[in-house]
Amino acid sequence: MSALLTALALLFTLIYTATSSCTPSDLAALLAFKSSLNEPYLGIFKTWSGTNCCSNWYGISCDPTTGRVADINLRGESEDPIFEKAGRSGYMTGSINPSICKLDRLSTLILADWKGVSGEIPGCVASLSNLRILDLIGNQISGKIPANIGNLQRLTVLNLADNRLTGEIPASLTALANMKHLDLSSNKLTGQLPADFGNLKMLSRALLSKNQLSGAIPNSISGMYRLADLDLSVNKISGWVPGWIGSMRVLSTLNLDSNMISGQLPASLLSSTGLGIVNLSRNAIEGNIPDAFGPKSYFMALDLSYNNLKGPIPGSLSSAAYVGHLDLSHNHLCGPIPVGTPFDHLEAPSFSFNDCLCGNPLRTC
């Protein structure tokens, strides 16, 4: 009986130790991570004291079974009381210490919206095989996206937007078969989208605007049956708008404005019953606007301004179920503006700077 009691006591001690404090290696890694950062206003790192990083360390969560650090959630814009008490958003400087890679049970790494965190993403981050969320948005991080980012097979969210990243999108990124949200917008990325970008079958949002990406839209995207939001605006994308975009089942938002896209508008884009927001402005699209709208067309916003479109406004547009915002300005359109909906609620700027459009709300024909 005494041996059994001893064994139970030892088991209880082991469980208590695992669930009440982090391991020495995790503690050392977090302290090294902290040493490379400076947060002067909110006092977040003042809570990182003592040896138990699993208890009351701001932004740190541990696995209750193993006692290993599982989540780092440090966001510079938060509704947390520590932010509300200070009456301000956060500001942090410094860099991401490679010691973060010693937290080999980490599933969430969020160091977002701090405005001043700089340096590069440590390449060893690609070794964190349990990582599901990597969110570094809103900093000044530079350098390249780690080449082996595709090793993070459990990753579902990759948000590196609003930084200063350079170089090309790593070829390995398309191996992230479980990724659902990708945001690389507002960086300085160059090169083309990987030809096999469509391998990201689980992706619902692909946000890549405000970079220097070039080349055509990869045909492989046509097979992304969960993609709802595609934003390639403000890049150097060339080629033409592929016809298959209008046939994508889930796609509801398409932003391709401010690129170098040419060719003609595919009819399938305008006859789509799923697309609700389409912005193709500030390109070099030419030819007539296809007379392809129907009673199931429902556009909350359709912007074709600043292109080389010619000919009349298609009469079928008046048969659309709904058109909220329409901008056809700065083209070479000509002829009478159709009457009825949606034209009865649109104002002159929607049609201005064309060759010879007439009718309400412009001059009488």
Protein backbone atom coordinates (compact mmCIF):
# COMPACT_ATOMS: atom_id res chain seq x y z
CA MET A 1 0.00 0.00 0.00
CA SER A 2 2.81 2.40 0.87
CA ALA A 3 4.41 1.78 -2.53
CA LEU A 4 1.10 2.59 -4.24
CA LEU A 5 0.71 5.79 -2.24
CA THR A 6 4.26 6.78 -3.11
CA ALA A 7 3.63 6.17 -6.80
CA LEU A 8 0.41 8.19 -6.71
CA ALA A 9 2.16 11.02 -4.89
CA LEU A 10 4.91 11.02 -7.50
CA LEU A 11 2.36 11.00 -10.33
CA PHE A 12 0.47 13.89 -8.71
CA THR A 13 3.73 15.82 -8.36
CA LEU A 14 4.59 15.28 -12.01
CA ILE A 15 1.11 16.36 -13.17
CA TYR A 16 1.11 19.36 -10.86
CA THR A 17 4.55 20.39 -12.06
CA ALA A 18 3.59 20.01 -15.72
CA THR A 19 0.39 21.99 -15.36
CA SER A 20 1.62 24.70 -13.01
CA SER A 21 4.85 25.86 -14.61
CA CYS A 22 6.57 25.94 -17.94
CA THR A 23 9.70 23.97 -18.67
CA PRO A 24 13.11 25.58 -18.08
CA SER A 25 13.82 25.47 -21.82
CA ASP A 26 10.57 27.29 -22.67
CA LEU A 27 11.23 29.83 -19.94
CA ALA A 28 14.72 30.53 -21.30
CA ALA A 29 13.38 30.85 -24.86
CA LEU A 30 10.70 33.34 -23.81
CA LEU A 31 13.16 35.46 -21.83
CA ALA A 32 15.50 35.57 -24.83
CA PHE A 33 12.53 36.50 -27.04
CA LYS A 34 11.65 39.29 -24.59
CA SER A 35 15.25 40.57 -24.49
CA SER A 36 15.08 41.51 -28.19
CA LEU A 37 11.89 43.58 -27.82
CA ASN A 38 11.07 46.89 -26.14
CA GLU A 39 7.51 47.86 -25.22
CA PRO A 40 7.75 51.15 -23.27
CA TYR A 41 4.15 52.22 -22.69
CA LEU A 42 1.83 49.42 -21.62
CA GLY A 43 4.09 47.43 -19.33
CA ILE A 44 3.22 44.12 -20.97
CA PHE A 45 6.63 42.58 -20.35
CA LYS A 46 6.50 43.56 -16.68
CA THR A 47 4.07 40.68 -16.29
CA TRP A 48 6.78 38.33 -17.58
CA SER A 49 8.38 37.75 -14.18
CA GLY A 50 9.07 34.71 -12.04
CA THR A 51 9.69 31.21 -13.29
CA ASN A 52 6.14 30.16 -14.13
CA CYS A 53 5.55 31.50 -17.64
CA CYS A 54 2.26 29.56 -17.83
CA SER A 55 0.62 31.75 -15.20
CA ASN A 56 -0.21 35.43 -15.63
CA TRP A 57 2.36 36.13 -18.32
CA TYR A 58 0.53 38.46 -20.68
CA GLY A 59 -0.14 36.83 -24.04
CA ILE A 60 1.28 33.43 -23.10
CA SER A 61 -0.77 30.24 -22.95
CA CYS A 62 0.43 26.73 -22.21
CA ASP A 63 -0.87 23.28 -22.95
CA PRO A 64 -2.51 22.17 -19.66
CA THR A 65 -1.39 18.59 -20.17
CA THR A 66 2.26 19.06 -21.03
CA GLY A 67 2.98 22.47 -19.53
CA ARG A 68 4.65 23.49 -22.80
CA VAL A 69 4.14 26.97 -24.26
CA ALA A 70 1.47 26.69 -26.97
CA ASP A 71 0.47 30.27 -27.80
CA ILE A 72 2.11 33.68 -27.97
CA ASN A 73 -0.59 36.25 -28.62
CA LEU A 74 0.77 39.79 -28.52
CA ARG A 75 -1.33 42.22 -30.53
CA GLY A 76 -0.71 45.96 -30.45
CA GLU A 77 -4.38 46.83 -30.95
CA SER A 78 -6.59 45.15 -28.42
CA GLU A 79 -9.67 45.53 -26.24
CA ASP A 80 -7.75 44.07 -23.34
CA PRO A 81 -8.00 46.07 -20.06
CA ILE A 82 -4.27 46.77 -20.12
CA PHE A 83 -4.81 48.73 -23.36
CA GLU A 84 -8.01 50.40 -22.20
CA LYS A 85 -6.40 51.53 -18.97
CA ALA A 86 -3.52 53.12 -20.89
CA GLY A 87 -5.94 54.70 -23.37
CA ARG A 88 -3.71 53.97 -26.32
CA SER A 89 -2.67 51.31 -28.80
CA GLY A 90 0.67 49.64 -28.44
CA TYR A 91 4.08 50.49 -29.82
CA MET A 92 6.92 48.02 -29.73
CA THR A 93 10.40 48.03 -31.24
CA GLY A 94 13.08 45.40 -31.58
CA SER A 95 13.19 42.17 -33.53
CA ILE A 96 12.09 38.54 -33.41
CA ASN A 97 14.76 36.56 -31.56
CA PRO A 98 15.55 33.16 -33.13
CA SER A 99 15.11 31.68 -29.65
CA ILE A 100 11.41 31.55 -30.55
CA CYS A 101 12.22 28.42 -32.56
CA LYS A 102 13.07 26.53 -29.35
CA LEU A 103 9.39 26.61 -28.43
CA ASP A 104 8.81 23.48 -30.47
CA ARG A 105 5.24 22.97 -29.28
CA LEU A 106 4.14 26.45 -30.36
CA SER A 107 0.85 26.50 -32.30
CA THR A 108 0.17 30.27 -32.39
CA LEU A 109 2.63 33.11 -32.91
CA ILE A 110 0.98 36.52 -33.06
CA LEU A 111 3.19 39.61 -32.84
CA ALA A 112 0.93 42.01 -34.68
CA ASP A 113 0.19 45.72 -35.09
CA TRP A 114 3.13 47.00 -33.06
CA LYS A 115 4.33 49.37 -35.79
CA GLY A 116 8.01 49.28 -34.84
CA VAL A 117 9.08 45.62 -34.74
CA SER A 118 11.74 45.23 -37.44
CA GLY A 119 14.44 42.82 -38.54
CA GLU A 120 13.79 39.60 -40.41
CA ILE A 121 11.62 36.57 -39.83
CA PRO A 122 14.02 33.94 -38.45
CA GLY A 123 14.37 31.15 -41.00
CA CYS A 124 14.07 28.58 -38.23
CA VAL A 125 10.39 29.52 -37.80
CA ALA A 126 9.80 27.01 -40.61
CA SER A 127 10.84 24.28 -38.16
CA LEU A 128 7.89 24.90 -35.82
CA SER A 129 5.91 21.93 -37.08
CA ASN A 130 2.94 22.52 -34.77
CA LEU A 131 2.39 26.13 -35.87
CA ARG A 132 -1.16 26.86 -37.03
CA ILE A 133 -1.23 30.67 -36.93
CA LEU A 134 1.63 32.99 -37.90
CA ASP A 135 0.47 36.61 -37.70
CA LEU A 136 3.05 39.42 -37.91
CA ILE A 137 0.89 42.08 -39.57
CA GLY A 138 1.52 45.78 -39.05
CA ASN A 139 5.22 46.02 -38.30
CA GLN A 140 8.42 46.94 -40.15
CA ILE A 141 9.69 43.43 -40.73
CA SER A 142 12.02 43.21 -43.73
CA GLY A 143 13.93 40.55 -45.62
CA LYS A 144 12.41 37.55 -47.34
CA ILE A 145 9.68 35.13 -46.38
CA PRO A 146 11.51 32.00 -45.15
CA ALA A 147 12.18 29.74 -48.13
CA ASN A 148 11.02 26.63 -46.26
CA ILE A 149 7.72 28.13 -45.08
CA GLY A 150 6.02 25.17 -46.80
CA ASN A 151 7.28 22.90 -44.00
CA LEU A 152 4.55 24.29 -41.74
CA GLN A 153 2.01 21.70 -42.83
CA ARG A 154 -0.48 22.58 -40.07
CA LEU A 155 -0.52 26.29 -40.85
CA THR A 156 -4.04 27.68 -41.43
CA VAL A 157 -3.33 31.45 -41.16
CA LEU A 158 -0.34 33.30 -42.61
CA ASN A 159 -0.62 37.06 -42.16
CA LEU A 160 2.50 39.08 -42.98
CA ALA A 161 0.72 42.17 -44.31
CA ASP A 162 1.81 45.77 -43.78
CA ASN A 163 5.52 45.12 -43.46
CA ARG A 164 8.58 45.64 -45.66
CA LEU A 165 9.14 42.15 -46.97
CA THR A 166 11.05 41.78 -50.24
CA GLY A 167 11.90 39.02 -52.68
CA GLU A 168 9.63 36.51 -54.34
CA ILE A 169 6.87 34.41 -52.84
CA PRO A 170 8.64 31.15 -51.88
CA ALA A 171 7.83 28.21 -54.13
CA SER A 172 7.27 26.06 -51.03
CA LEU A 173 4.34 28.22 -49.92
CA THR A 174 2.00 26.31 -52.23
CA ALA A 175 2.64 23.18 -50.13
CA LEU A 176 0.60 24.64 -47.27
CA ALA A 177 -2.37 22.40 -47.99
CA ASN A 178 -4.32 23.40 -44.86
CA MET A 179 -3.98 27.17 -45.17
CA LYS A 180 -7.27 29.09 -45.20
CA HIS A 181 -6.18 32.72 -44.90
CA LEU A 182 -3.19 34.27 -46.69
CA ASP A 183 -2.41 37.98 -46.40
CA LEU A 184 0.84 39.29 -47.85
CA SER A 185 -0.51 42.70 -48.83
CA SER A 186 1.33 46.01 -48.47
CA ASN A 187 4.88 44.71 -48.76
CA LYS A 188 7.54 44.93 -51.48
CA LEU A 189 7.25 41.43 -52.89
CA THR A 190 8.37 40.90 -56.49
CA GLY A 191 8.24 38.18 -59.11
CA GLN A 192 5.28 36.15 -60.29
CA LEU A 193 2.69 34.22 -58.40
CA PRO A 194 3.74 30.56 -58.30
CA ALA A 195 2.22 28.68 -61.24
CA ASP A 196 0.87 26.08 -58.83
CA PHE A 197 -0.74 28.66 -56.52
CA GLY A 198 -3.99 26.74 -57.00
CA ASN A 199 -2.59 23.90 -54.88
CA LEU A 200 -3.82 25.89 -51.89
CA LYS A 201 -7.17 24.11 -52.10
CA MET A 202 -8.38 25.13 -48.64
CA LEU A 203 -7.67 28.84 -49.12
CA SER A 204 -10.64 31.17 -48.77
CA ARG A 205 -8.85 34.54 -48.80
CA ALA A 206 -5.82 35.42 -50.93
CA LEU A 207 -4.83 39.02 -50.20
CA LEU A 208 -1.74 40.11 -52.13
CA SER A 209 -2.40 43.75 -52.95
CA LYS A 210 0.10 46.61 -52.86
CA ASN A 211 3.22 44.73 -53.84
CA GLN A 212 5.25 44.59 -57.06
CA LEU A 213 4.03 41.24 -58.30
CA SER A 214 4.14 40.69 -62.05
CA GLY A 215 3.13 38.15 -64.66
CA ALA A 216 -0.26 36.68 -65.48
CA ILE A 217 -2.91 35.30 -63.16
CA PRO A 218 -2.07 31.57 -62.83
CA ASN A 219 -4.62 29.24 -64.40
CA SER A 220 -4.29 26.90 -61.43
CA ILE A 221 -6.39 29.35 -59.38
CA SER A 222 -9.44 28.10 -61.29
CA GLY A 223 -9.34 24.94 -59.16
CA MET A 224 -9.50 26.75 -55.81
CA TYR A 225 -13.07 25.80 -54.99
CA ARG A 226 -13.09 27.48 -51.55
CA LEU A 227 -11.63 30.83 -52.64
CA ALA A 228 -14.02 33.67 -51.79
CA ASP A 229 -11.74 36.73 -51.89
CA LEU A 230 -8.95 37.35 -54.42
CA ASP A 231 -7.11 40.67 -54.17
CA LEU A 232 -4.19 41.32 -56.52
CA SER A 233 -4.74 45.08 -56.78
CA VAL A 234 -1.94 47.66 -57.02
CA ASN A 235 0.68 45.34 -58.50
CA LYS A 236 2.18 44.85 -61.96
CA ILE A 237 -0.04 41.95 -63.01
CA SER A 238 -0.30 41.66 -66.79
CA GLY A 239 -2.09 39.45 -69.28
CA TRP A 240 -5.87 39.42 -69.37
CA VAL A 241 -8.80 38.58 -67.12
CA PRO A 242 -9.29 34.82 -67.54
CA GLY A 243 -12.80 33.69 -68.40
CA TRP A 244 -12.83 30.97 -65.77
CA ILE A 245 -12.90 33.57 -62.96
CA GLY A 246 -16.61 34.08 -63.57
CA SER A 247 -17.21 30.35 -63.13
CA MET A 248 -15.59 30.00 -59.71
CA ARG A 249 -18.33 28.79 -57.39
CA VAL A 250 -17.48 30.62 -54.17
CA LEU A 251 -15.57 33.69 -55.39
CA SER A 252 -17.49 36.80 -54.32
CA THR A 253 -14.82 39.55 -54.26
CA LEU A 254 -12.35 40.21 -57.08
CA ASN A 255 -9.94 43.14 -56.87
CA LEU A 256 -7.55 43.52 -59.81
CA ASP A 257 -7.42 47.31 -60.00
CA SER A 258 -4.25 49.31 -60.66
CA ASN A 259 -2.36 46.70 -62.65
CA MET A 260 -1.28 46.26 -66.27
CA ILE A 261 -4.10 43.97 -67.38
CA SER A 262 -5.17 44.23 -71.02
CA GLY A 263 -7.40 42.30 -73.42
CA GLN A 264 -11.19 42.20 -73.36
CA LEU A 265 -13.65 41.57 -70.56
CA PRO A 266 -14.90 37.96 -70.54
CA ALA A 267 -18.69 37.70 -70.66
CA SER A 268 -18.60 35.07 -67.91
CA LEU A 269 -17.30 37.66 -65.47
CA LEU A 270 -20.40 39.83 -65.84
CA SER A 271 -22.89 36.97 -66.05
CA SER A 272 -21.56 35.42 -62.83
CA THR A 273 -24.20 34.86 -60.17
CA GLY A 274 -21.64 34.69 -57.36
CA LEU A 275 -19.41 37.72 -57.81
CA GLY A 276 -20.65 40.67 -55.77
CA ILE A 277 -17.66 43.03 -55.73
CA VAL A 278 -15.55 43.47 -58.87
CA ASN A 279 -12.89 46.16 -59.26
CA LEU A 280 -10.94 46.19 -62.53
CA SER A 281 -10.24 49.92 -62.63
CA ARG A 282 -6.96 51.49 -63.72
CA ASN A 283 -5.88 48.85 -66.20
CA ALA A 284 -5.70 48.72 -70.01
CA ILE A 285 -8.80 46.62 -70.67
CA GLU A 286 -10.29 47.28 -74.11
CA GLY A 287 -13.19 46.37 -76.34
CA ASN A 288 -16.91 46.52 -75.60
CA ILE A 289 -18.54 45.72 -72.30
CA PRO A 290 -20.21 42.33 -72.93
CA ASP A 291 -24.00 42.39 -72.99
CA ALA A 292 -24.08 39.54 -70.52
CA PHE A 293 -25.87 40.72 -67.38
CA GLY A 294 -28.92 38.82 -66.21
CA PRO A 295 -31.67 38.78 -63.56
CA LYS A 296 -29.36 36.94 -61.14
CA SER A 297 -26.53 39.48 -61.45
CA TYR A 298 -26.04 41.08 -58.05
CA PHE A 299 -23.18 43.55 -57.82
CA MET A 300 -22.66 45.52 -54.65
CA ALA A 301 -19.83 47.27 -56.51
CA LEU A 302 -18.69 47.12 -60.14
CA ASP A 303 -15.79 49.41 -61.05
CA LEU A 304 -14.49 49.40 -64.63
CA SER A 305 -13.19 52.97 -64.61
CA TYR A 306 -9.88 54.17 -66.10
CA ASN A 307 -9.68 51.59 -68.90
CA ASN A 308 -9.99 51.66 -72.70
CA LEU A 309 -13.53 50.33 -72.96
CA LYS A 310 -15.56 51.51 -75.94
CA GLY A 311 -19.03 51.14 -77.43
CA PRO A 312 -22.35 51.44 -75.61
CA ILE A 313 -23.34 50.57 -72.07
CA PRO A 314 -25.01 47.14 -72.45
CA GLY A 315 -28.78 47.25 -72.14
CA SER A 316 -28.82 43.98 -70.18
CA LEU A 317 -27.35 45.83 -67.21
CA SER A 318 -30.84 47.18 -66.51
CA SER A 319 -32.04 43.59 -65.98
CA ALA A 320 -29.58 42.96 -63.13
CA ALA A 321 -31.16 42.13 -59.78
CA TYR A 322 -29.06 44.77 -58.06
CA VAL A 323 -26.17 47.12 -58.80
CA GLY A 324 -25.13 49.26 -55.85
CA HIS A 325 -22.03 51.15 -56.92
CA LEU A 326 -21.17 51.42 -60.63
CA ASP A 327 -18.21 53.32 -62.07
CA LEU A 328 -17.70 53.39 -65.84
CA SER A 329 -15.89 56.73 -65.91
CA HIS A 330 -12.66 57.50 -67.79
CA ASN A 331 -13.23 55.16 -70.74
CA HIS A 332 -14.27 55.65 -74.38
CA LEU A 333 -17.93 54.66 -74.06
CA CYS A 334 -20.49 56.19 -76.37
CA GLY A 335 -24.27 56.27 -76.82
CA PRO A 336 -27.32 56.72 -74.59
CA ILE A 337 -27.26 55.68 -70.95
CA PRO A 338 -30.01 53.06 -70.44
CA VAL A 339 -33.03 54.07 -68.37
CA GLY A 340 -34.51 52.39 -65.31
CA THR A 341 -32.67 50.56 -62.59
CA PRO A 342 -29.85 50.75 -61.61
CA PHE A 343 -29.32 53.92 -63.63
CA ASP A 344 -32.03 55.92 -61.87
CA HIS A 345 -29.96 56.17 -58.66
CA LEU A 346 -26.53 56.71 -60.20
CA GLU A 347 -24.92 60.13 -60.46
CA ALA A 348 -22.84 61.81 -63.16
CA PRO A 349 -19.38 60.78 -61.82
CA SER A 350 -20.27 57.16 -62.63
CA PHE A 351 -20.26 58.03 -66.36
CA SER A 352 -18.03 61.09 -66.70
CA PHE A 353 -14.94 61.37 -68.92
CA ASN A 354 -16.16 59.13 -71.72
CA ASP A 355 -16.24 59.98 -75.43
CA CYS A 356 -19.91 60.55 -76.09
CA LEU A 357 -22.24 59.14 -73.44
CA CYS A 358 -25.51 61.00 -73.07
CA GLY A 359 -28.77 60.80 -71.18
CA ASN A 360 -29.64 61.10 -67.51
CA PRO A 361 -27.64 61.95 -65.39
CA LEU A 362 -25.47 63.48 -68.15
CA ARG A 363 -26.55 65.81 -70.94
CA THR A 364 -29.63 65.05 -72.99
CA CYS A 365 -29.02 62.95 -76.09
